[in-house]
PDB file of N, CA and C in Angstrom:
ATOM      1  N   MET A   1      -9.001   1.438 -16.205  1.00  0.00           N
ATOM      2  CA  MET A   1      -8.746   0.419 -15.200  1.00  0.00           C
ATOM      3  C   MET A   1     -10.061  -0.229 -14.793  1.00  0.00           C
ATOM      4  N   ALA A   2      -9.966  -1.441 -14.308  1.00  0.00           N
ATOM      5  CA  ALA A   2     -11.147  -2.171 -13.888  1.00  0.00           C
ATOM      6  C   ALA A   2     -11.691  -1.620 -12.571  1.00  0.00           C
ATOM      7  N   GLU A   3     -12.982  -1.734 -12.410  1.00  0.00           N
ATOM      8  CA  GLU A   3     -13.619  -1.329 -11.157  1.00  0.00           C
ATOM      9  C   GLU A   3     -13.400  -2.425 -10.119  1.00  0.00           C
ATOM     10  N   PRO A   4     -13.303  -2.054  -8.839  1.00  0.00           N
ATOM     11  CA  PRO A   4     -13.177  -3.095  -7.815  1.00  0.00           C
ATOM     12  C   PRO A   4     -14.471  -3.895  -7.739  1.00  0.00           C
ATOM     13  N   ASN A   5     -14.364  -5.159  -7.400  1.00  0.00           N
ATOM     14  CA  ASN A   5     -15.519  -6.033  -7.285  1.00  0.00           C
ATOM     15  C   ASN A   5     -16.251  -5.705  -5.986  1.00  0.00           C
ATOM     16  N   LYS A   6     -17.362  -4.970  -6.098  1.00  0.00           N
ATOM     17  CA  LYS A   6     -18.093  -4.516  -4.911  1.00  0.00           C
ATOM     18  C   LYS A   6     -18.683  -5.675  -4.121  1.00  0.00           C
ATOM     19  N   GLU A   7     -19.094  -6.731  -4.825  1.00  0.00           N
ATOM     20  CA  GLU A   7     -19.637  -7.897  -4.124  1.00  0.00           C
ATOM     21  C   GLU A   7     -18.556  -8.575  -3.281  1.00  0.00           C
ATOM     22  N   LYS A   8     -17.355  -8.654  -3.833  1.00  0.00           N
ATOM     23  CA  LYS A   8     -16.254  -9.263  -3.093  1.00  0.00           C
ATOM     24  C   LYS A   8     -15.930  -8.434  -1.854  1.00  0.00           C
ATOM     25  N   ILE A   9     -15.953  -7.107  -1.999  1.00  0.00           N
ATOM     26  CA  ILE A   9     -15.688  -6.228  -0.857  1.00  0.00           C
ATOM     27  C   ILE A   9     -16.761  -6.415   0.205  1.00  0.00           C
ATOM     28  N   LYS A  10     -18.037  -6.537  -0.206  1.00  0.00           N
ATOM     29  CA  LYS A  10     -19.126  -6.776   0.761  1.00  0.00           C
ATOM     30  C   LYS A  10     -18.907  -8.089   1.510  1.00  0.00           C
ATOM     31  N   GLU A  11     -18.464  -9.121   0.784  1.00  0.00           N
ATOM     32  CA  GLU A  11     -18.192 -10.413   1.417  1.00  0.00           C
ATOM     33  C   GLU A  11     -17.067 -10.282   2.442  1.00  0.00           C
ATOM     34  N   ILE A  12     -16.033  -9.538   2.086  1.00  0.00           N
ATOM     35  CA  ILE A  12     -14.911  -9.338   3.004  1.00  0.00           C
ATOM     36  C   ILE A  12     -15.390  -8.627   4.268  1.00  0.00           C
ATOM     37  N   LEU A  13     -16.185  -7.562   4.084  1.00  0.00           N
ATOM     38  CA  LEU A  13     -16.678  -6.790   5.229  1.00  0.00           C
ATOM     39  C   LEU A  13     -17.574  -7.621   6.130  1.00  0.00           C
ATOM     40  N   ALA A  14     -18.363  -8.534   5.548  1.00  0.00           N
ATOM     41  CA  ALA A  14     -19.296  -9.348   6.324  1.00  0.00           C
ATOM     42  C   ALA A  14     -18.616 -10.545   6.993  1.00  0.00           C
ATOM     43  N   SER A  15     -17.383 -10.823   6.620  1.00  0.00           N
ATOM     44  CA  SER A  15     -16.682 -11.996   7.149  1.00  0.00           C
ATOM     45  C   SER A  15     -16.261 -11.782   8.603  1.00  0.00           C
ATOM     46  N   ASN A  16     -15.860 -12.869   9.217  1.00  0.00           N
ATOM     47  CA  ASN A  16     -15.365 -12.828  10.598  1.00  0.00           C
ATOM     48  C   ASN A  16     -13.846 -12.763  10.640  1.00  0.00           C
ATOM     49  N   LEU A  17     -13.237 -12.277   9.575  1.00  0.00           N
ATOM     50  CA  LEU A  17     -11.781 -12.176   9.520  1.00  0.00           C
ATOM     51  C   LEU A  17     -11.271 -11.132  10.503  1.00  0.00           C
ATOM     52  N   ASP A  18     -10.005 -11.257  10.820  1.00  0.00           N
ATOM     53  CA  ASP A  18      -9.301 -10.268  11.627  1.00  0.00           C
ATOM     54  C   ASP A  18      -9.385  -8.914  10.911  1.00  0.00           C
ATOM     55  N   PRO A  19      -9.609  -7.805  11.637  1.00  0.00           N
ATOM     56  CA  PRO A  19      -9.725  -6.493  10.986  1.00  0.00           C
ATOM     57  C   PRO A  19      -8.531  -6.132  10.107  1.00  0.00           C
ATOM     58  N   ALA A  20      -7.322  -6.486  10.527  1.00  0.00           N
ATOM     59  CA  ALA A  20      -6.141  -6.185   9.712  1.00  0.00           C
ATOM     60  C   ALA A  20      -6.184  -6.965   8.403  1.00  0.00           C
ATOM     61  N   GLU A  21      -6.655  -8.208   8.470  1.00  0.00           N
ATOM     62  CA  GLU A  21      -6.776  -9.028   7.258  1.00  0.00           C
ATOM     63  C   GLU A  21      -7.869  -8.469   6.346  1.00  0.00           C
ATOM     64  N   LYS A  22      -8.983  -8.030   6.933  1.00  0.00           N
ATOM     65  CA  LYS A  22     -10.041  -7.395   6.138  1.00  0.00           C
ATOM     66  C   LYS A  22      -9.493  -6.189   5.390  1.00  0.00           C
ATOM     67  N   LEU A  23      -8.759  -5.348   6.116  1.00  0.00           N
ATOM     68  CA  LEU A  23      -8.202  -4.144   5.521  1.00  0.00           C
ATOM     69  C   LEU A  23      -7.261  -4.501   4.375  1.00  0.00           C
ATOM     70  N   ARG A  24      -6.393  -5.483   4.607  1.00  0.00           N
ATOM     71  CA  ARG A  24      -5.448  -5.904   3.568  1.00  0.00           C
ATOM     72  C   ARG A  24      -6.185  -6.396   2.320  1.00  0.00           C
ATOM     73  N   LEU A  25      -7.229  -7.201   2.508  1.00  0.00           N
ATOM     74  CA  LEU A  25      -7.974  -7.738   1.374  1.00  0.00           C
ATOM     75  C   LEU A  25      -8.738  -6.645   0.612  1.00  0.00           C
ATOM     76  N   ILE A  26      -9.300  -5.692   1.344  1.00  0.00           N
ATOM     77  CA  ILE A  26     -10.030  -4.598   0.689  1.00  0.00           C
ATOM     78  C   ILE A  26      -9.064  -3.737  -0.117  1.00  0.00           C
ATOM     79  N   VAL A  27      -7.933  -3.400   0.478  1.00  0.00           N
ATOM     80  CA  VAL A  27      -6.936  -2.590  -0.234  1.00  0.00           C
ATOM     81  C   VAL A  27      -6.439  -3.347  -1.465  1.00  0.00           C
ATOM     82  N   GLU A  28      -6.218  -4.648  -1.297  1.00  0.00           N
ATOM     83  CA  GLU A  28      -5.763  -5.469  -2.428  1.00  0.00           C
ATOM     84  C   GLU A  28      -6.798  -5.444  -3.554  1.00  0.00           C
ATOM     85  N   GLU A  29      -8.059  -5.558  -3.215  1.00  0.00           N
ATOM     86  CA  GLU A  29      -9.123  -5.521  -4.228  1.00  0.00           C
ATOM     87  C   GLU A  29      -9.171  -4.155  -4.901  1.00  0.00           C
ATOM     88  N   GLN A  30      -9.012  -3.093  -4.135  1.00  0.00           N
ATOM     89  CA  GLN A  30      -9.077  -1.743  -4.694  1.00  0.00           C
ATOM     90  C   GLN A  30      -7.808  -1.376  -5.441  1.00  0.00           C
ATOM     91  N   ARG A  31      -6.711  -2.025  -5.119  1.00  0.00           N
ATOM     92  CA  ARG A  31      -5.435  -1.718  -5.755  1.00  0.00           C
ATOM     93  C   ARG A  31      -5.522  -1.925  -7.269  1.00  0.00           C
ATOM     94  N   LEU A  32      -6.474  -2.741  -7.694  1.00  0.00           N
ATOM     95  CA  LEU A  32      -6.682  -2.924  -9.123  1.00  0.00           C
ATOM     96  C   LEU A  32      -7.049  -1.599  -9.777  1.00  0.00           C
ATOM     97  N   VAL A  33      -7.592  -0.684  -8.999  1.00  0.00           N
ATOM     98  CA  VAL A  33      -8.034   0.599  -9.520  1.00  0.00           C
ATOM     99  C   VAL A  33      -7.035   1.696  -9.191  1.00  0.00           C
ATOM    100  N   ASP A  34      -6.640   1.802  -7.923  1.00  0.00           N
ATOM    101  CA  ASP A  34      -5.782   2.901  -7.500  1.00  0.00           C
ATOM    102  C   ASP A  34      -5.073   2.507  -6.206  1.00  0.00           C
ATOM    103  N   LYS A  35      -3.808   2.804  -6.102  1.00  0.00           N
ATOM    104  CA  LYS A  35      -3.030   2.429  -4.921  1.00  0.00           C
ATOM    105  C   LYS A  35      -3.261   3.357  -3.746  1.00  0.00           C
ATOM    106  N   GLU A  36      -4.050   4.381  -3.885  1.00  0.00           N
ATOM    107  CA  GLU A  36      -4.233   5.341  -2.802  1.00  0.00           C
ATOM    108  C   GLU A  36      -5.604   5.218  -2.136  1.00  0.00           C
ATOM    109  N   ASN A  37      -6.151   4.015  -2.080  1.00  0.00           N
ATOM    110  CA  ASN A  37      -7.469   3.806  -1.505  1.00  0.00           C
ATOM    111  C   ASN A  37      -7.428   3.283  -0.080  1.00  0.00           C
ATOM    112  N   ILE A  38      -6.316   3.434   0.598  1.00  0.00           N
ATOM    113  CA  ILE A  38      -6.191   2.906   1.954  1.00  0.00           C
ATOM    114  C   ILE A  38      -7.193   3.577   2.892  1.00  0.00           C
ATOM    115  N   ARG A  39      -7.264   4.892   2.824  1.00  0.00           N
ATOM    116  CA  ARG A  39      -8.181   5.635   3.694  1.00  0.00           C
ATOM    117  C   ARG A  39      -9.633   5.220   3.442  1.00  0.00           C
ATOM    118  N   GLU A  40      -9.973   5.033   2.181  1.00  0.00           N
ATOM    119  CA  GLU A  40     -11.329   4.604   1.819  1.00  0.00           C
ATOM    120  C   GLU A  40     -11.607   3.208   2.363  1.00  0.00           C
ATOM    121  N   ALA A  41     -10.614   2.324   2.290  1.00  0.00           N
ATOM    122  CA  ALA A  41     -10.784   0.965   2.803  1.00  0.00           C
ATOM    123  C   ALA A  41     -10.980   0.974   4.318  1.00  0.00           C
ATOM    124  N   VAL A  42     -10.228   1.802   5.023  1.00  0.00           N
ATOM    125  CA  VAL A  42     -10.369   1.896   6.481  1.00  0.00           C
ATOM    126  C   VAL A  42     -11.771   2.396   6.838  1.00  0.00           C
ATOM    127  N   ALA A  43     -12.287   3.323   6.059  1.00  0.00           N
ATOM    128  CA  ALA A  43     -13.624   3.867   6.327  1.00  0.00           C
ATOM    129  C   ALA A  43     -14.713   2.802   6.186  1.00  0.00           C
ATOM    130  N   MET A  44     -14.436   1.743   5.438  1.00  0.00           N
ATOM    131  CA  MET A  44     -15.426   0.673   5.265  1.00  0.00           C
ATOM    132  C   MET A  44     -15.543  -0.218   6.499  1.00  0.00           C
ATOM    133  N   LEU A  45     -14.512  -0.212   7.344  1.00  0.00           N
ATOM    134  CA  LEU A  45     -14.530  -1.042   8.540  1.00  0.00           C
ATOM    135  C   LEU A  45     -15.449  -0.432   9.595  1.00  0.00           C
ATOM    136  N   THR A  46     -15.892  -1.257  10.534  1.00  0.00           N
ATOM    137  CA  THR A  46     -16.744  -0.755  11.612  1.00  0.00           C
ATOM    138  C   THR A  46     -15.890   0.084  12.566  1.00  0.00           C
ATOM    139  N   PRO A  47     -16.521   0.959  13.344  1.00  0.00           N
ATOM    140  CA  PRO A  47     -15.757   1.742  14.321  1.00  0.00           C
ATOM    141  C   PRO A  47     -14.972   0.848  15.294  1.00  0.00           C
ATOM    142  N   GLU A  48     -15.557  -0.279  15.664  1.00  0.00           N
ATOM    143  CA  GLU A  48     -14.874  -1.191  16.581  1.00  0.00           C
ATOM    144  C   GLU A  48     -13.623  -1.777  15.928  1.00  0.00           C
ATOM    145  N   GLU A  49     -13.726  -2.125  14.643  1.00  0.00           N
ATOM    146  CA  GLU A  49     -12.568  -2.673  13.938  1.00  0.00           C
ATOM    147  C   GLU A  49     -11.473  -1.620  13.787  1.00  0.00           C
ATOM    148  N   ARG A  50     -11.869  -0.373  13.499  1.00  0.00           N
ATOM    149  CA  ARG A  50     -10.886   0.710  13.395  1.00  0.00           C
ATOM    150  C   ARG A  50     -10.196   0.943  14.743  1.00  0.00           C
ATOM    151  N   GLU A  51     -10.974   0.891  15.838  1.00  0.00           N
ATOM    152  CA  GLU A  51     -10.394   1.066  17.177  1.00  0.00           C
ATOM    153  C   GLU A  51      -9.404  -0.050  17.488  1.00  0.00           C
ATOM    154  N   GLU A  52      -9.754  -1.291  17.103  1.00  0.00           N
ATOM    155  CA  GLU A  52      -8.848  -2.410  17.348  1.00  0.00           C
ATOM    156  C   GLU A  52      -7.552  -2.239  16.552  1.00  0.00           C
ATOM    157  N   LEU A  53      -7.674  -1.823  15.287  1.00  0.00           N
ATOM    158  CA  LEU A  53      -6.470  -1.606  14.472  1.00  0.00           C
ATOM    159  C   LEU A  53      -5.611  -0.487  15.057  1.00  0.00           C
ATOM    160  N   ASP A  54      -6.249   0.572  15.556  1.00  0.00           N
ATOM    161  CA  ASP A  54      -5.506   1.669  16.159  1.00  0.00           C
ATOM    162  C   ASP A  54      -4.792   1.190  17.418  1.00  0.00           C
ATOM    163  N   ARG A  55      -5.470   0.391  18.234  1.00  0.00           N
ATOM    164  CA  ARG A  55      -4.867  -0.149  19.453  1.00  0.00           C
ATOM    165  C   ARG A  55      -3.660  -1.013  19.100  1.00  0.00           C
ATOM    166  N   ARG A  56      -3.806  -1.858  18.091  1.00  0.00           N
ATOM    167  CA  ARG A  56      -2.712  -2.732  17.678  1.00  0.00           C
ATOM    168  C   ARG A  56      -1.547  -1.930  17.092  1.00  0.00           C
ATOM    169  N   ALA A  57      -1.863  -0.884  16.335  1.00  0.00           N
ATOM    170  CA  ALA A  57      -0.811  -0.026  15.776  1.00  0.00           C
ATOM    171  C   ALA A  57      -0.050   0.668  16.900  1.00  0.00           C
ATOM    172  N   ARG A  58      -0.777   1.131  17.917  1.00  0.00           N
ATOM    173  CA  ARG A  58      -0.132   1.799  19.052  1.00  0.00           C
ATOM    174  C   ARG A  58       0.734   0.830  19.856  1.00  0.00           C
ATOM    175  N   ALA A  59       0.417  -0.466  19.759  1.00  0.00           N
ATOM    176  CA  ALA A  59       1.219  -1.495  20.435  1.00  0.00           C
ATOM    177  C   ALA A  59       2.435  -1.899  19.588  1.00  0.00           C
ATOM    178  N   GLY A  60       2.574  -1.311  18.395  1.00  0.00           N
ATOM    179  CA  GLY A  60       3.755  -1.563  17.575  1.00  0.00           C
ATOM    180  C   GLY A  60       3.533  -2.464  16.380  1.00  0.00           C
ATOM    181  N   GLU A  61       2.317  -2.957  16.183  1.00  0.00           N
ATOM    182  CA  GLU A  61       2.038  -3.842  15.047  1.00  0.00           C
ATOM    183  C   GLU A  61       1.797  -3.016  13.782  1.00  0.00           C
ATOM    184  N   VAL A  62       2.295  -3.494  12.660  1.00  0.00           N
ATOM    185  CA  VAL A  62       2.020  -2.845  11.376  1.00  0.00           C
ATOM    186  C   VAL A  62       0.694  -3.410  10.874  1.00  0.00           C
ATOM    187  N   VAL A  63      -0.332  -2.566  10.820  1.00  0.00           N
ATOM    188  CA  VAL A  63      -1.662  -3.011  10.402  1.00  0.00           C
ATOM    189  C   VAL A  63      -2.030  -2.500   9.016  1.00  0.00           C
ATOM    190  N   VAL A  64      -1.241  -1.583   8.465  1.00  0.00           N
ATOM    191  CA  VAL A  64      -1.478  -1.037   7.135  1.00  0.00           C
ATOM    192  C   VAL A  64      -0.232  -1.315   6.294  1.00  0.00           C
ATOM    193  N   LEU A  65      -0.410  -2.001   5.179  1.00  0.00           N
ATOM    194  CA  LEU A  65       0.703  -2.288   4.285  1.00  0.00           C
ATOM    195  C   LEU A  65       1.369  -0.984   3.871  1.00  0.00           C
ATOM    196  N   GLY A  66       2.655  -0.871   4.131  1.00  0.00           N
ATOM    197  CA  GLY A  66       3.385   0.356   3.814  1.00  0.00           C
ATOM    198  C   GLY A  66       3.398   1.354   4.954  1.00  0.00           C
ATOM    199  N   GLY A  67       2.797   1.006   6.082  1.00  0.00           N
ATOM    200  CA  GLY A  67       2.714   1.919   7.213  1.00  0.00           C
ATOM    201  C   GLY A  67       3.756   1.687   8.276  1.00  0.00           C
ATOM    202  N   THR A  68       4.813   0.966   7.943  1.00  0.00           N
ATOM    203  CA  THR A  68       5.869   0.647   8.905  1.00  0.00           C
ATOM    204  C   THR A  68       6.423   1.921   9.536  1.00  0.00           C
ATOM    205  N   GLY A  69       6.467   1.931  10.847  1.00  0.00           N
ATOM    206  CA  GLY A  69       6.994   3.085  11.575  1.00  0.00           C
ATOM    207  C   GLY A  69       5.906   3.960  12.162  1.00  0.00           C
ATOM    208  N   GLY A  70       4.667   3.794  11.705  1.00  0.00           N
ATOM    209  CA  GLY A  70       3.568   4.593  12.234  1.00  0.00           C
ATOM    210  C   GLY A  70       3.141   4.114  13.597  1.00  0.00           C
ATOM    211  N   LYS A  71       2.924   5.049  14.521  1.00  0.00           N
ATOM    212  CA  LYS A  71       2.594   4.704  15.906  1.00  0.00           C
ATOM    213  C   LYS A  71       1.091   4.698  16.177  1.00  0.00           C
ATOM    214  N   SER A  72       0.282   4.915  15.124  1.00  0.00           N
ATOM    215  CA  SER A  72      -1.173   4.842  15.248  1.00  0.00           C
ATOM    216  C   SER A  72      -1.724   4.440  13.888  1.00  0.00           C
ATOM    217  N   LEU A  73      -2.998   4.096  13.843  1.00  0.00           N
ATOM    218  CA  LEU A  73      -3.622   3.741  12.570  1.00  0.00           C
ATOM    219  C   LEU A  73      -3.524   4.910  11.596  1.00  0.00           C
ATOM    220  N   GLU A  74      -3.836   6.102  12.061  1.00  0.00           N
ATOM    221  CA  GLU A  74      -3.781   7.291  11.199  1.00  0.00           C
ATOM    222  C   GLU A  74      -2.368   7.535  10.681  1.00  0.00           C
ATOM    223  N   ALA A  75      -1.372   7.367  11.546  1.00  0.00           N
ATOM    224  CA  ALA A  75       0.019   7.569  11.129  1.00  0.00           C
ATOM    225  C   ALA A  75       0.425   6.538  10.082  1.00  0.00           C
ATOM    226  N   GLN A  76       0.010   5.299  10.261  1.00  0.00           N
ATOM    227  CA  GLN A  76       0.342   4.265   9.287  1.00  0.00           C
ATOM    228  C   GLN A  76      -0.324   4.531   7.943  1.00  0.00           C
ATOM    229  N   ILE A  77      -1.562   5.005   7.978  1.00  0.00           N
ATOM    230  CA  ILE A  77      -2.261   5.362   6.733  1.00  0.00           C
ATOM    231  C   ILE A  77      -1.495   6.470   6.029  1.00  0.00           C
ATOM    232  N   HIS A  78      -1.118   7.486   6.788  1.00  0.00           N
ATOM    233  CA  HIS A  78      -0.392   8.631   6.221  1.00  0.00           C
ATOM    234  C   HIS A  78       0.936   8.191   5.597  1.00  0.00           C
ATOM    235  N   LEU A  79       1.670   7.348   6.292  1.00  0.00           N
ATOM    236  CA  LEU A  79       2.943   6.847   5.766  1.00  0.00           C
ATOM    237  C   LEU A  79       2.731   6.038   4.491  1.00  0.00           C
ATOM    238  N   ALA A  80       1.737   5.164   4.501  1.00  0.00           N
ATOM    239  CA  ALA A  80       1.473   4.321   3.332  1.00  0.00           C
ATOM    240  C   ALA A  80       1.079   5.168   2.125  1.00  0.00           C
ATOM    241  N   GLU A  81       0.268   6.188   2.341  1.00  0.00           N
ATOM    242  CA  GLU A  81      -0.130   7.072   1.243  1.00  0.00           C
ATOM    243  C   GLU A  81       1.072   7.830   0.695  1.00  0.00           C
ATOM    244  N   GLY A  82       1.920   8.320   1.573  1.00  0.00           N
ATOM    245  CA  GLY A  82       3.102   9.064   1.142  1.00  0.00           C
ATOM    246  C   GLY A  82       4.068   8.204   0.364  1.00  0.00           C
ATOM    247  N   ARG A  83       4.230   6.947   0.781  1.00  0.00           N
ATOM    248  CA  ARG A  83       5.137   6.047   0.065  1.00  0.00           C
ATOM    249  C   ARG A  83       4.599   5.729  -1.313  1.00  0.00           C
ATOM    250  N   SER A  84       3.293   5.583  -1.418  1.00  0.00           N
ATOM    251  CA  SER A  84       2.689   5.321  -2.726  1.00  0.00           C
ATOM    252  C   SER A  84       2.888   6.520  -3.646  1.00  0.00           C
ATOM    253  N   LYS A  85       2.620   7.710  -3.123  1.00  0.00           N
ATOM    254  CA  LYS A  85       2.762   8.932  -3.926  1.00  0.00           C
ATOM    255  C   LYS A  85       4.222   9.173  -4.287  1.00  0.00           C
ATOM    256  N   GLY A  86       5.135   8.890  -3.343  1.00  0.00           N
ATOM    257  CA  GLY A  86       6.559   9.085  -3.610  1.00  0.00           C
ATOM    258  C   GLY A  86       7.044   8.188  -4.733  1.00  0.00           C
ATOM    259  N   GLY A  87       6.597   6.948  -4.722  1.00  0.00           N
ATOM    260  CA  GLY A  87       6.973   6.021  -5.784  1.00  0.00           C
ATOM    261  C   GLY A  87       6.440   6.462  -7.129  1.00  0.00           C
ATOM    262  N   LYS A  88       5.207   6.968  -7.138  1.00  0.00           N
ATOM    263  CA  LYS A  88       4.626   7.452  -8.391  1.00  0.00           C
ATOM    264  C   LYS A  88       5.392   8.661  -8.902  1.00  0.00           C
ATOM    265  N   HIS A  89       5.811   9.541  -7.982  1.00  0.00           N
ATOM    266  CA  HIS A  89       6.536  10.740  -8.376  1.00  0.00           C
ATOM    267  C   HIS A  89       7.886  10.362  -8.992  1.00  0.00           C
ATOM    268  N   ARG A  90       8.593   9.435  -8.337  1.00  0.00           N
ATOM    269  CA  ARG A  90       9.880   8.994  -8.882  1.00  0.00           C
ATOM    270  C   ARG A  90       9.695   8.346 -10.244  1.00  0.00           C
ATOM    271  N   ALA A  91       8.660   7.533 -10.371  1.00  0.00           N
ATOM    272  CA  ALA A  91       8.413   6.868 -11.652  1.00  0.00           C
ATOM    273  C   ALA A  91       8.137   7.889 -12.746  1.00  0.00           C
ATOM    274  N   SER A  92       7.391   8.942 -12.412  1.00  0.00           N
ATOM    275  CA  SER A  92       7.092   9.956 -13.430  1.00  0.00           C
ATOM    276  C   SER A  92       8.347  10.752 -13.783  1.00  0.00           C
ATOM    277  N   GLN A  93       9.242  10.935 -12.817  1.00  0.00           N
ATOM    278  CA  GLN A  93      10.483  11.659 -13.095  1.00  0.00           C
ATOM    279  C   GLN A  93      11.424  10.831 -13.973  1.00  0.00           C
ATOM    280  N   LEU A  94      11.550   9.553 -13.654  1.00  0.00           N
ATOM    281  CA  LEU A  94      12.496   8.705 -14.366  1.00  0.00           C
ATOM    282  C   LEU A  94      11.945   8.166 -15.677  1.00  0.00           C
ATOM    283  N   GLY A  95      10.649   7.915 -15.714  1.00  0.00           N
ATOM    284  CA  GLY A  95      10.063   7.298 -16.892  1.00  0.00           C
ATOM    285  C   GLY A  95      10.448   5.827 -16.983  1.00  0.00           C
ATOM    286  N   ARG A  96       9.896   5.141 -17.944  1.00  0.00           N
ATOM    287  CA  ARG A  96      10.148   3.703 -18.117  1.00  0.00           C
ATOM    288  C   ARG A  96      11.631   3.427 -18.357  1.00  0.00           C
ATOM    289  N   GLU A  97      12.251   4.218 -19.197  1.00  0.00           N
ATOM    290  CA  GLU A  97      13.653   4.000 -19.523  1.00  0.00           C
ATOM    291  C   GLU A  97      14.542   4.193 -18.297  1.00  0.00           C
ATOM    292  N   GLY A  98      14.215   5.176 -17.470  1.00  0.00           N
ATOM    293  CA  GLY A  98      14.998   5.418 -16.265  1.00  0.00           C
ATOM    294  C   GLY A  98      14.934   4.260 -15.301  1.00  0.00           C
ATOM    295  N   TYR A  99      13.752   3.684 -15.143  1.00  0.00           N
ATOM    296  CA  TYR A  99      13.621   2.537 -14.256  1.00  0.00           C
ATOM    297  C   TYR A  99      14.381   1.343 -14.829  1.00  0.00           C
ATOM    298  N   GLN A 100      14.313   1.152 -16.133  1.00  0.00           N
ATOM    299  CA  GLN A 100      15.056   0.055 -16.735  1.00  0.00           C
ATOM    300  C   GLN A 100      16.553   0.279 -16.562  1.00  0.00           C
ATOM    301  N   GLU A 101      17.004   1.524 -16.704  1.00  0.00           N
ATOM    302  CA  GLU A 101      18.411   1.854 -16.563  1.00  0.00           C
ATOM    303  C   GLU A 101      18.892   1.559 -15.138  1.00  0.00           C
ATOM    304  N   MET A 102      18.071   1.889 -14.161  1.00  0.00           N
ATOM    305  CA  MET A 102      18.450   1.630 -12.769  1.00  0.00           C
ATOM    306  C   MET A 102      18.544   0.130 -12.505  1.00  0.00           C
ATOM    307  N   GLY A 103      17.681  -0.625 -13.113  1.00  0.00           N
ATOM    308  CA  GLY A 103      17.670  -2.069 -12.896  1.00  0.00           C
ATOM    309  C   GLY A 103      17.284  -2.426 -11.484  1.00  0.00           C
ATOM    310  N   LYS A 104      17.521  -3.645 -11.121  1.00  0.00           N
ATOM    311  CA  LYS A 104      17.128  -4.109  -9.798  1.00  0.00           C
ATOM    312  C   LYS A 104      18.314  -4.312  -8.867  1.00  0.00           C
ATOM    313  N   LYS A 105      19.540  -4.046  -9.343  1.00  0.00           N
ATOM    314  CA  LYS A 105      20.722  -4.351  -8.532  1.00  0.00           C
ATOM    315  C   LYS A 105      21.542  -3.101  -8.274  1.00  0.00           C
ATOM    316  N   GLY A 106      21.148  -2.350  -7.305  1.00  0.00           N
ATOM    317  CA  GLY A 106      21.949  -1.218  -6.863  1.00  0.00           C
ATOM    318  C   GLY A 106      22.168  -0.132  -7.887  1.00  0.00           C
ATOM    319  N   GLY A 107      21.260   0.017  -8.797  1.00  0.00           N
ATOM    320  CA  GLY A 107      21.365   1.081  -9.777  1.00  0.00           C
ATOM    321  C   GLY A 107      22.173   0.721 -10.998  1.00  0.00           C
ATOM    322  N   LEU A 108      22.605  -0.543 -11.121  1.00  0.00           N
ATOM    323  CA  LEU A 108      23.348  -0.948 -12.308  1.00  0.00           C
ATOM    324  C   LEU A 108      22.403  -1.051 -13.500  1.00  0.00           C
ATOM    325  N   SER A 109      22.917  -0.838 -14.658  1.00  0.00           N
ATOM    326  CA  SER A 109      22.140  -0.895 -15.876  1.00  0.00           C
ATOM    327  C   SER A 109      21.627  -2.318 -16.108  1.00  0.00           C
ATOM    328  N   SER A 110      20.434  -2.451 -16.657  1.00  0.00           N
ATOM    329  CA  SER A 110      19.877  -3.760 -16.961  1.00  0.00           C
ATOM    330  C   SER A 110      20.304  -4.231 -18.343  1.00  0.00           C
ATOM    331  N   THR A 111      21.233  -3.510 -18.981  1.00  0.00           N
ATOM    332  CA  THR A 111      21.693  -3.884 -20.316  1.00  0.00           C
ATOM    333  C   THR A 111      22.786  -4.940 -20.268  1.00  0.00           C
ATOM    334  N   GLY A 112      23.203  -5.307 -19.059  1.00  0.00           N
ATOM    335  CA  GLY A 112      24.182  -6.371 -18.922  1.00  0.00           C
ATOM    336  C   GLY A 112      25.587  -5.899 -18.627  1.00  0.00           C
ATOM    337  N   SER A 113      25.844  -4.608 -18.641  1.00  0.00           N
ATOM    338  CA  SER A 113      27.189  -4.129 -18.337  1.00  0.00           C
ATOM    339  C   SER A 113      27.461  -4.302 -16.852  1.00  0.00           C
ATOM    340  N   GLU A 114      28.703  -4.551 -16.524  1.00  0.00           N
ATOM    341  CA  GLU A 114      29.072  -4.829 -15.138  1.00  0.00           C
ATOM    342  C   GLU A 114      29.279  -3.589 -14.302  1.00  0.00           C
ATOM    343  N   SER A 115      29.569  -2.454 -14.936  1.00  0.00           N
ATOM    344  CA  SER A 115      29.798  -1.243 -14.171  1.00  0.00           C
ATOM    345  C   SER A 115      29.034  -0.093 -14.819  1.00  0.00           C
ATOM    346  N   PRO A 116      28.594   0.867 -13.999  1.00  0.00           N
ATOM    347  CA  PRO A 116      27.869   2.004 -14.562  1.00  0.00           C
ATOM    348  C   PRO A 116      28.797   2.846 -15.441  1.00  0.00           C
ATOM    349  N   GLU A 117      28.208   3.418 -16.481  1.00  0.00           N
ATOM    350  CA  GLU A 117      28.990   4.268 -17.367  1.00  0.00           C
ATOM    351  C   GLU A 117      29.265   5.601 -16.706  1.00  0.00           C
ATOM    352  N   GLU A 118      30.440   6.140 -16.927  1.00  0.00           N
ATOM    353  CA  GLU A 118      30.835   7.422 -16.329  1.00  0.00           C
ATOM    354  C   GLU A 118      30.599   8.525 -17.322  1.00  0.00           C
TER     355      GLU A 118
END
């Protein structure tokens, strides 16, 4: 896999963007390498930015992609990591063929049949 663009990450960190937007952009850049870099991305933010994200999370805002339902920054990170790992686990269990078989419409086969085979 490709390495994340460190210069781009430095530019993001040095910008005057909203901390939640910074976090989203850093995670997006790192996602090219691994989907479980949320904690690492949060560590790149300043303590003040982390405190602001935690305050906003405690107020009910989703500040971490995949962290819906978390009542703090740490909780949202934990939820997002678990969802990423859960998806990977299901994918490894089903394999490519299993995902194709499930399709995108309620578990119906992607082979064109209208009803699941019994």
